[in-house]
Protein backbone atom coordinates (compact mmCIF):
# COMPACT_ATOMS: atom_id res chain seq x y z
CA MET A 1 72.40 116.57 99.46
CA VAL A 2 74.92 119.37 99.02
CA ALA A 3 73.68 121.12 102.16
CA ASN A 4 74.20 117.87 104.07
CA ALA A 5 77.76 117.62 102.74
CA PHE A 6 78.61 121.02 104.20
CA VAL A 7 77.44 119.86 107.61
CA TRP A 8 78.97 116.38 107.47
CA LEU A 9 82.36 116.95 105.86
CA PRO A 10 83.88 119.25 108.48
CA THR A 11 83.13 116.72 111.23
CA PHE A 12 84.43 113.68 109.34
CA PRO A 13 88.21 114.27 109.58
CA ASP A 14 88.19 114.62 113.37
CA LEU A 15 86.28 111.38 113.80
CA TRP A 16 88.49 109.61 111.27
CA TYR A 17 91.71 110.69 112.99
CA ASP A 18 90.36 109.60 116.37
CA LEU A 19 89.35 106.18 115.02
CA ARG A 20 92.63 105.80 113.19
CA SER A 21 94.61 106.47 116.35
CA LEU A 22 92.57 103.81 118.19
CA ILE A 23 93.10 101.26 115.43
CA TYR A 24 96.79 101.94 114.82
CA GLY A 25 97.70 102.67 118.45
CA PRO A 26 98.55 99.12 119.50
CA PHE A 27 100.67 98.67 116.37
CA ARG A 28 102.61 101.97 116.71
CA PRO A 29 105.92 100.44 117.93
CA TYR A 30 105.80 97.87 115.14
CA PHE A 31 105.24 100.51 112.47
CA ASP A 32 107.98 102.69 113.94
CA TYR A 33 110.32 99.74 113.46
CA THR A 34 109.17 99.12 109.89
CA VAL A 35 109.65 102.78 108.98
CA SER A 36 113.21 102.60 110.30
CA THR A 37 113.90 99.67 107.96
CA LEU A 38 112.58 101.43 104.86
CA GLY A 39 115.36 102.46 102.52
CA ARG A 40 118.02 100.22 103.99
CA ALA A 41 120.10 98.51 101.32
CA ASP A 42 120.10 95.17 103.16
CA PHE A 43 116.31 95.15 103.54
CA PRO A 44 114.30 94.37 100.36
CA TYR A 45 111.18 96.39 99.70
CA SER A 46 109.15 93.21 99.17
CA VAL A 47 109.91 92.15 102.75
CA TYR A 48 108.95 95.63 103.95
CA THR A 49 105.55 95.45 102.24
CA VAL A 50 104.81 92.05 103.78
CA MET A 51 105.89 93.28 107.21
CA THR A 52 103.62 96.32 107.12
CA GLN A 53 100.55 94.21 106.31
CA ALA A 54 101.36 91.28 108.61
CA PRO A 55 99.74 92.65 111.80
CA PHE A 56 96.42 93.20 110.06
CA VAL A 57 96.45 89.78 108.43
CA VAL A 58 97.43 88.01 111.65
CA VAL A 59 94.85 89.83 113.78
CA SER A 60 92.15 89.20 111.17
CA LEU A 61 93.00 85.49 111.04
CA VAL A 62 92.96 85.23 114.83
CA ILE A 63 89.56 86.91 115.02
CA LEU A 64 88.25 84.65 112.25
CA GLY A 65 89.62 81.54 113.96
CA LEU A 66 88.13 82.47 117.32
CA SER A 67 84.80 83.24 115.70
CA LEU A 68 84.74 79.93 113.82
CA ARG A 69 85.69 78.03 116.96
CA ARG A 70 82.91 79.71 118.87
CA LEU A 71 80.44 79.10 116.06
CA LEU A 72 81.32 75.42 115.69
CA ARG A 73 81.36 74.82 119.42
CA GLY A 74 77.96 76.47 119.82
CA SER A 75 76.31 74.20 117.23
């Protein structure tokens, strides 16, 4: 198992960074905006935390809704 770790670990970060850029790529402008709002006195941190998670929640709900619609329509 240790020998396998030496082979696998060096290749993992490159794959992870490639996948991360594909996942976060469409949301990049949104996250650039949220980073610019961090630390502003007129912008509460609680709103910032909700904003940073909103795209993932919305996209997940849309995928779930479309899947359920397809599942129910197919029955």
